[in-house]
Amino acid sequence: MSRYLRSEVSRFREFGEDVSRIKEIIEDLREQVPVDFDAKGIRGNSASSTSVGCAIFTAVGGEGEVMAQLEEVIEMLRKRGEIRESLFEIMVDKGTIERTDRAIKDYVIKSGIVRVPPGKAIQYFACDRGRGRGGSKVCHAVEMPLNEACVGSNTSSYQPWSFSKMLRGRAFDTSGLEGYVNYLEESKNEVIDGIKRSIEKRLSEADSLAVDDIHKWMESATDMSSDGGILVLTDGEGEPMFCPECIEKILDAFGERGSIRLQFPPIPRSVLSLDVLCTENLHKEHSFRDLMSLSGVEEELNELRANHMAPVHRTMMVQIENQRLLENLGPFIWIRS
C-alpha cells in the first residue's frame, strides 16, 4: 500500500473511532440525572425551568486561558444574581450552581490544559448528582471545532442563570456534540472519496499499486502481524460471502495455533447463483441465509486475535464500480496495508 493510502486509511479509522467515542458520550450524558431534576420553585414553576444540575461550560480557543474564561462566566452570573436576587432565591438552588462550578474548576486544574487551540472549543459537562450518587463531577470534556460547539446560538431561549458559554438545566444540551458527529461523518466520507479516486486512477493507468486477489484477504486476517487493508468492490454486488462450515474450521485452527496465514477465497459470484454454497463444494447442508459475510468473519477472527494480543484487523471496503477493473481484476481487489 502506498504511503498516501496508508495515511488516508489511518485518518479514516481515526474519524470512525471518534464517531463511536462521541456517540457513547452522548448516550452517557442523556442518562445523567441531576439531584434537582424534579425541583420546583416556590411559585410552583416547572422543573424544566428551575433545575440547574447539568452545566456545560465551553472554553473557546483564542479567548484567553481556560480558567480565566470560566471565572468570567461565574462572575457574570454572580452580578446577575445580585440584580435578580429574589428571582434566583425563588427559582433555583444556588448550592447546585456552586457545586457544578467547583467541579469544573477542579477538572480544569487537574487536566493541565491552560489554553484551547485556535479554532477549537472544549466543552465541559458537569452534573450535580447529589450525595450517594457520585456527587458533583465533570462527566466528560470534549474538544471539537469551534463551529460545532454552538456557542452563542439561541441566546434568547436561555434562562437567567445561563449564558452562551455556560448552559444550565435539568439535562445536557448535546446539539454541539451531535453536530460534531455529523462533521466527523462528513470527514470520513471525504476521505473515502479521496481514496476511491486515487485507487481508480492508479489502477486504470496500470500504476505500480500492489494489489492481490481476494484469497489474500484471509491470509492477512489470519496473520497476527497484519492490521488490515482496503477491499475494492468493483461489481456493486456487495461484500464477499463464505461457507460457514469452512469458516468454523478456519476459526478453530486460528484460535488454537495463532498465525496460520491461510489463503482462502470466498464463494465465487458465479456459483452463488447456482446455489453452490461452499468454496470447495464440500458442505451442502446450509442455506444461503447461513453464509457469513466478510465483515462477519472478520469480527469472529478479531475476537480470537484479541486472545493472542494481536492488533485488530480492519478492512475498509470501498465501492468502485468500473467495468474495466471488473474485467481485468475481478469483483474484489485486496490492497494490504
Protein backbone atom coordinates (compact mmCIF):
# COMPACT_ATOMS: atom_id res chain seq x y z
CA MET A 1 0.00 0.00 0.00
CA SER A 2 1.31 3.46 -0.88
CA ARG A 3 2.24 5.96 1.80
CA TYR A 4 -0.68 8.18 0.77
CA LEU A 5 -3.24 5.38 1.03
CA ARG A 6 -1.82 4.21 4.34
CA SER A 7 -2.10 7.74 5.71
CA GLU A 8 -5.67 8.15 4.46
CA VAL A 9 -6.76 4.79 5.86
CA SER A 10 -5.32 5.84 9.21
CA ARG A 11 -7.30 9.10 9.05
CA PHE A 12 -10.47 7.19 8.17
CA ARG A 13 -10.03 4.88 11.14
CA GLU A 14 -9.40 7.80 13.49
CA PHE A 15 -12.57 9.54 12.33
CA GLY A 16 -14.51 6.31 12.82
CA GLU A 17 -13.14 5.84 16.34
CA ASP A 18 -14.02 9.45 17.18
CA VAL A 19 -17.58 8.96 15.91
CA SER A 20 -18.03 5.92 18.16
CA ARG A 21 -16.50 7.72 21.14
CA ILE A 22 -18.68 10.83 20.79
CA LYS A 23 -21.84 8.77 20.30
CA GLU A 24 -21.07 6.88 23.51
CA ILE A 25 -20.55 10.19 25.33
CA ILE A 26 -23.89 11.50 24.05
CA GLU A 27 -25.67 8.38 25.31
CA ASP A 28 -23.98 8.66 28.69
CA LEU A 29 -24.89 12.34 29.04
CA ARG A 30 -28.52 11.58 28.26
CA GLU A 31 -28.58 9.16 31.18
CA GLN A 32 -27.32 11.71 33.73
CA VAL A 33 -29.98 12.80 36.24
CA PRO A 34 -29.14 15.81 38.44
CA VAL A 35 -30.17 15.97 42.08
CA ASP A 36 -32.58 18.83 41.32
CA PHE A 37 -34.17 17.10 38.31
CA ASP A 38 -37.68 17.43 39.79
CA ALA A 39 -37.05 20.75 41.52
CA LYS A 40 -39.87 23.33 41.56
CA GLY A 41 -39.60 26.88 42.72
CA ILE A 42 -41.70 28.44 45.48
CA ARG A 43 -44.20 29.54 42.87
CA GLY A 44 -44.57 26.00 41.56
CA ASN A 45 -42.65 26.61 38.37
CA SER A 46 -41.99 23.57 36.21
CA ALA A 47 -38.82 21.59 36.81
CA SER A 48 -37.61 22.25 33.28
CA SER A 49 -37.13 25.92 34.14
CA THR A 50 -35.79 25.53 37.69
CA SER A 51 -33.34 22.62 37.51
CA VAL A 52 -29.72 23.72 37.07
CA GLY A 53 -27.92 20.48 37.92
CA CYS A 54 -26.48 19.94 34.43
CA ALA A 55 -23.92 22.56 33.40
CA ILE A 56 -21.99 22.89 30.13
CA PHE A 57 -19.02 25.23 30.14
CA THR A 58 -17.50 26.00 26.73
CA ALA A 59 -13.92 27.28 26.63
CA VAL A 60 -13.05 28.92 23.31
CA GLY A 61 -9.68 28.96 21.59
CA GLY A 62 -8.08 32.38 21.22
CA GLU A 63 -10.04 33.94 24.09
CA GLY A 64 -7.53 33.59 26.89
CA GLU A 65 -6.83 30.93 29.47
CA VAL A 66 -9.49 28.34 30.21
CA MET A 67 -9.63 29.21 33.91
CA ALA A 68 -9.98 32.91 33.15
CA GLN A 69 -12.91 32.20 30.81
CA LEU A 70 -14.55 30.05 33.48
CA GLU A 71 -14.14 32.66 36.18
CA GLU A 72 -15.57 35.27 33.83
CA VAL A 73 -18.86 33.41 33.31
CA ILE A 74 -19.09 32.63 37.04
CA GLU A 75 -18.65 36.33 37.79
CA MET A 76 -21.28 37.25 35.19
CA LEU A 77 -23.80 35.04 36.98
CA ARG A 78 -22.83 36.48 40.37
CA LYS A 79 -23.51 40.01 39.15
CA ARG A 80 -26.76 38.97 37.52
CA GLY A 81 -27.77 37.28 40.76
CA GLU A 82 -27.24 40.47 42.71
CA ILE A 83 -29.64 42.27 40.40
CA ARG A 84 -32.23 39.49 40.41
CA GLU A 85 -31.61 38.05 43.85
CA SER A 86 -35.28 37.48 44.63
CA LEU A 87 -35.79 35.63 41.35
CA PHE A 88 -32.83 33.32 41.98
CA GLU A 89 -33.92 32.52 45.53
CA ILE A 90 -37.39 31.60 44.35
CA MET A 91 -36.38 29.59 41.31
CA VAL A 92 -33.10 27.69 41.72
CA ASP A 93 -30.75 26.04 44.19
CA LYS A 94 -27.66 28.26 44.22
CA GLY A 95 -25.78 25.47 46.01
CA THR A 96 -26.13 23.24 42.96
CA ILE A 97 -24.71 26.01 40.77
CA GLU A 98 -21.75 26.45 43.10
CA ARG A 99 -21.05 22.70 43.19
CA THR A 100 -21.02 22.29 39.41
CA ASP A 101 -18.81 25.39 39.08
CA ARG A 102 -16.38 23.92 41.61
CA ALA A 103 -16.37 20.56 39.79
CA ILE A 104 -15.43 22.26 36.52
CA LYS A 105 -12.72 24.33 38.22
CA ASP A 106 -11.18 21.23 39.79
CA TYR A 107 -11.28 19.38 36.48
CA VAL A 108 -9.63 22.23 34.57
CA ILE A 109 -6.84 22.42 37.15
CA LYS A 110 -6.21 18.66 37.10
CA SER A 111 -6.33 18.45 33.29
CA GLY A 112 -3.40 20.83 32.93
CA ILE A 113 -4.97 22.43 29.85
CA VAL A 114 -4.23 26.14 30.06
CA ARG A 115 -5.47 27.31 26.66
CA VAL A 116 -7.66 25.91 23.91
CA PRO A 117 -6.06 25.78 20.42
CA PRO A 118 -7.28 28.48 17.99
CA GLY A 119 -10.34 27.40 16.03
CA LYS A 120 -11.24 24.83 18.68
CA ALA A 121 -13.52 24.68 21.71
CA ILE A 122 -13.62 22.39 24.73
CA GLN A 123 -16.98 21.63 26.30
CA TYR A 124 -17.02 20.51 29.93
CA PHE A 125 -20.16 18.63 31.01
CA ALA A 126 -20.70 18.75 34.79
CA CYS A 127 -23.57 17.23 36.76
CA ASP A 128 -24.56 17.62 40.42
CA ARG A 129 -25.94 14.15 41.16
CA GLY A 130 -26.17 14.55 44.91
CA ARG A 131 -24.56 12.72 47.78
CA GLY A 132 -24.58 8.97 47.47
CA ARG A 133 -24.90 9.18 43.68
CA GLY A 134 -21.44 10.38 42.79
CA GLY A 135 -21.70 13.98 43.91
CA SER A 136 -20.75 16.80 41.55
CA LYS A 137 -18.30 15.93 38.79
CA VAL A 138 -17.36 16.59 35.20
CA CYS A 139 -18.73 13.61 33.30
CA HIS A 140 -16.94 14.39 30.05
CA ALA A 141 -14.78 17.03 28.37
CA VAL A 142 -14.71 17.12 24.58
CA GLU A 143 -12.54 19.16 22.23
CA MET A 144 -14.16 19.98 18.89
CA PRO A 145 -14.04 22.54 16.08
CA LEU A 146 -15.38 25.87 17.32
CA ASN A 147 -18.04 25.95 14.59
CA GLU A 148 -19.61 22.77 16.00
CA ALA A 149 -19.82 23.96 19.62
CA CYS A 150 -22.98 26.08 19.09
CA VAL A 151 -21.57 28.91 21.21
CA GLY A 152 -23.86 31.93 21.21
CA SER A 153 -26.78 30.26 19.39
CA ASN A 154 -30.38 30.58 20.62
CA THR A 155 -29.39 33.02 23.39
CA SER A 156 -32.94 34.35 23.59
CA SER A 157 -34.15 30.99 24.93
CA TYR A 158 -31.73 30.85 27.89
CA GLN A 159 -32.92 31.09 31.47
CA PRO A 160 -31.40 33.94 33.56
CA TRP A 161 -28.77 31.60 35.04
CA SER A 162 -27.41 30.53 31.64
CA PHE A 163 -25.03 32.18 29.20
CA SER A 164 -23.77 31.09 25.78
CA LYS A 165 -20.60 29.73 27.40
CA MET A 166 -22.32 28.25 30.47
CA LEU A 167 -25.63 26.48 29.91
CA ARG A 168 -27.52 25.16 32.94
CA GLY A 169 -30.58 22.94 33.02
CA ARG A 170 -32.12 19.62 34.05
CA ALA A 171 -30.45 17.82 31.12
CA PHE A 172 -27.45 18.32 28.86
CA ASP A 173 -27.85 20.06 25.52
CA THR A 174 -25.94 17.73 23.20
CA SER A 175 -26.60 19.62 19.96
CA GLY A 176 -22.92 20.63 19.75
CA LEU A 177 -21.80 17.01 20.09
CA GLU A 178 -24.37 15.87 17.54
CA GLY A 179 -23.08 18.48 15.11
CA TYR A 180 -19.57 17.23 15.78
CA VAL A 181 -20.62 13.67 14.90
CA ASN A 182 -22.04 14.95 11.60
CA TYR A 183 -18.77 16.78 10.95
CA LEU A 184 -16.79 13.60 11.59
CA GLU A 185 -19.07 11.53 9.35
CA GLU A 186 -18.65 14.08 6.55
CA SER A 187 -14.89 13.98 7.07
CA LYS A 188 -14.96 10.17 6.79
CA ASN A 189 -16.88 10.39 3.52
CA GLU A 190 -14.39 12.91 2.13
CA VAL A 191 -11.53 10.56 2.96
CA ILE A 192 -13.32 7.64 1.29
CA ASP A 193 -13.93 9.71 -1.85
CA GLY A 194 -10.24 10.66 -1.99
CA ILE A 195 -9.16 7.04 -1.55
CA LYS A 196 -11.53 5.87 -4.29
CA ARG A 197 -10.29 8.50 -6.74
CA SER A 198 -6.66 7.61 -6.03
CA ILE A 199 -7.17 3.85 -6.38
CA GLU A 200 -9.28 4.10 -9.54
CA LYS A 201 -6.79 6.46 -11.19
CA ARG A 202 -3.76 4.34 -10.36
CA LEU A 203 -5.36 1.04 -11.34
CA SER A 204 -6.75 2.47 -14.58
CA GLU A 205 -3.32 3.81 -15.51
CA ALA A 206 -1.58 0.49 -14.75
CA ASP A 207 0.32 2.17 -11.93
CA SER A 208 2.60 0.17 -9.68
CA LEU A 209 -0.04 -0.08 -6.93
CA ALA A 210 0.41 -3.51 -5.36
CA VAL A 211 -2.86 -5.44 -5.37
CA ASP A 212 -3.83 -9.04 -4.62
CA ASP A 213 -6.68 -11.43 -5.31
CA ILE A 214 -9.40 -11.88 -2.70
CA HIS A 215 -7.90 -15.12 -1.32
CA LYS A 216 -5.09 -12.97 0.11
CA TRP A 217 -7.60 -11.25 2.39
CA MET A 218 -7.89 -14.36 4.56
CA GLU A 219 -4.10 -14.64 4.65
CA SER A 220 -3.96 -11.11 6.06
CA ALA A 221 -6.79 -11.68 8.54
CA THR A 222 -5.09 -14.82 9.91
CA ASP A 223 -1.68 -13.14 10.15
CA MET A 224 -1.05 -11.75 13.65
CA SER A 225 1.23 -9.04 12.27
CA SER A 226 -1.32 -7.60 9.83
CA ASP A 227 -3.78 -4.86 10.73
CA GLY A 228 -5.92 -4.96 7.58
CA GLY A 229 -6.20 -3.03 4.35
CA ILE A 230 -8.58 -1.91 1.62
CA LEU A 231 -11.01 -4.18 -0.22
CA VAL A 232 -12.23 -2.70 -3.51
CA LEU A 233 -15.61 -3.96 -4.75
CA THR A 234 -15.88 -3.42 -8.50
CA ASP A 235 -19.23 -5.00 -9.39
CA GLY A 236 -21.62 -3.30 -6.95
CA GLU A 237 -22.89 -6.65 -5.67
CA GLY A 238 -21.90 -6.34 -2.03
CA GLU A 239 -19.21 -7.94 0.10
CA PRO A 240 -17.81 -11.49 -0.27
CA MET A 241 -19.62 -14.42 1.34
CA PHE A 242 -18.13 -17.54 2.93
CA CYS A 243 -19.28 -21.06 3.73
CA PRO A 244 -19.98 -21.15 7.50
CA GLU A 245 -18.60 -24.68 7.91
CA CYS A 246 -15.33 -23.81 6.18
CA ILE A 247 -15.04 -20.72 8.37
CA GLU A 248 -15.69 -22.75 11.51
CA LYS A 249 -12.67 -24.93 10.70
CA ILE A 250 -10.52 -21.88 9.99
CA LEU A 251 -11.55 -20.27 13.27
CA ASP A 252 -10.70 -23.44 15.20
CA ALA A 253 -7.25 -23.63 13.62
CA PHE A 254 -6.56 -19.93 14.09
CA GLY A 255 -7.73 -19.94 17.70
CA GLU A 256 -5.54 -22.92 18.53
CA ARG A 257 -2.37 -22.09 16.60
CA GLY A 258 -2.39 -18.32 16.08
CA SER A 259 -0.95 -17.07 12.78
CA ILE A 260 -1.77 -19.55 10.04
CA ARG A 261 -1.68 -17.10 7.09
CA LEU A 262 -4.23 -19.18 5.23
CA GLN A 263 -5.04 -18.20 1.66
CA PHE A 264 -8.73 -18.93 1.22
CA PRO A 265 -11.22 -17.39 -1.22
CA PRO A 266 -14.90 -16.64 -0.65
CA ILE A 267 -17.61 -18.39 -2.65
CA PRO A 268 -17.30 -17.21 -6.29
CA ARG A 269 -20.09 -14.96 -7.52
CA SER A 270 -20.64 -17.26 -10.50
CA VAL A 271 -21.54 -20.32 -8.43
CA LEU A 272 -23.58 -18.49 -5.80
CA SER A 273 -26.30 -18.09 -8.42
CA LEU A 274 -26.22 -21.88 -8.89
CA ASP A 275 -26.77 -22.47 -5.16
CA VAL A 276 -23.26 -23.84 -4.68
CA LEU A 277 -22.76 -22.50 -1.17
CA CYS A 278 -19.27 -23.77 -0.36
CA THR A 279 -15.98 -22.61 -1.87
CA GLU A 280 -14.80 -26.22 -2.24
CA ASN A 281 -18.31 -27.61 -2.83
CA LEU A 282 -17.94 -29.88 0.20
CA HIS A 283 -20.59 -28.59 2.59
CA LYS A 284 -24.15 -28.70 1.28
CA GLU A 285 -26.43 -28.75 4.31
CA HIS A 286 -26.63 -24.99 4.92
CA SER A 287 -28.76 -22.40 3.14
CA PHE A 288 -27.90 -19.04 1.62
CA ARG A 289 -29.06 -17.34 4.83
CA ASP A 290 -26.39 -19.26 6.76
CA LEU A 291 -23.49 -17.81 4.75
CA MET A 292 -21.08 -15.50 6.56
CA SER A 293 -20.17 -12.09 5.18
CA LEU A 294 -16.55 -10.96 5.13
CA SER A 295 -17.26 -8.41 7.86
CA GLY A 296 -18.86 -11.14 9.99
CA VAL A 297 -15.83 -13.40 9.50
CA GLU A 298 -13.51 -10.53 10.40
CA GLU A 299 -15.47 -9.87 13.60
CA GLU A 300 -15.08 -13.51 14.65
CA LEU A 301 -11.37 -13.51 13.81
CA ASN A 302 -10.81 -10.29 15.75
CA GLU A 303 -12.20 -11.88 18.90
CA LEU A 304 -9.57 -14.60 18.53
CA ARG A 305 -6.86 -12.07 17.64
CA ALA A 306 -7.59 -10.28 20.91
CA ASN A 307 -6.91 -13.52 22.80
CA HIS A 308 -3.49 -13.67 21.12
CA MET A 309 -2.81 -9.95 21.84
CA ALA A 310 -2.74 -9.26 18.09
CA PRO A 311 -3.85 -5.92 16.59
CA VAL A 312 -7.42 -5.54 15.38
CA HIS A 313 -7.75 -6.43 11.70
CA ARG A 314 -9.75 -3.72 9.92
CA THR A 315 -10.99 -3.98 6.36
CA MET A 316 -12.03 -0.76 4.67
CA MET A 317 -14.46 -1.65 1.88
CA VAL A 318 -14.87 0.84 -0.97
CA GLN A 319 -17.20 0.57 -3.94
CA ILE A 320 -15.63 1.44 -7.30
CA GLU A 321 -18.00 0.20 -10.00
CA ASN A 322 -15.70 0.11 -13.01
CA GLN A 323 -16.26 -2.33 -15.85
CA ARG A 324 -12.64 -2.26 -16.97
CA LEU A 325 -11.36 -3.04 -13.48
CA LEU A 326 -14.01 -5.75 -13.11
CA GLU A 327 -12.90 -7.43 -16.34
CA ASN A 328 -9.17 -7.12 -15.63
CA LEU A 329 -9.01 -7.73 -11.88
CA GLY A 330 -12.34 -9.31 -10.92
CA PRO A 331 -15.06 -8.24 -8.46
CA PHE A 332 -12.68 -7.98 -5.48
CA ILE A 333 -9.29 -6.27 -5.23
CA TRP A 334 -7.33 -6.59 -1.99
CA ILE A 335 -4.77 -3.94 -1.01
CA ARG A 336 -2.98 -4.86 2.20
CA SER A 337 -1.77 -2.04 4.42
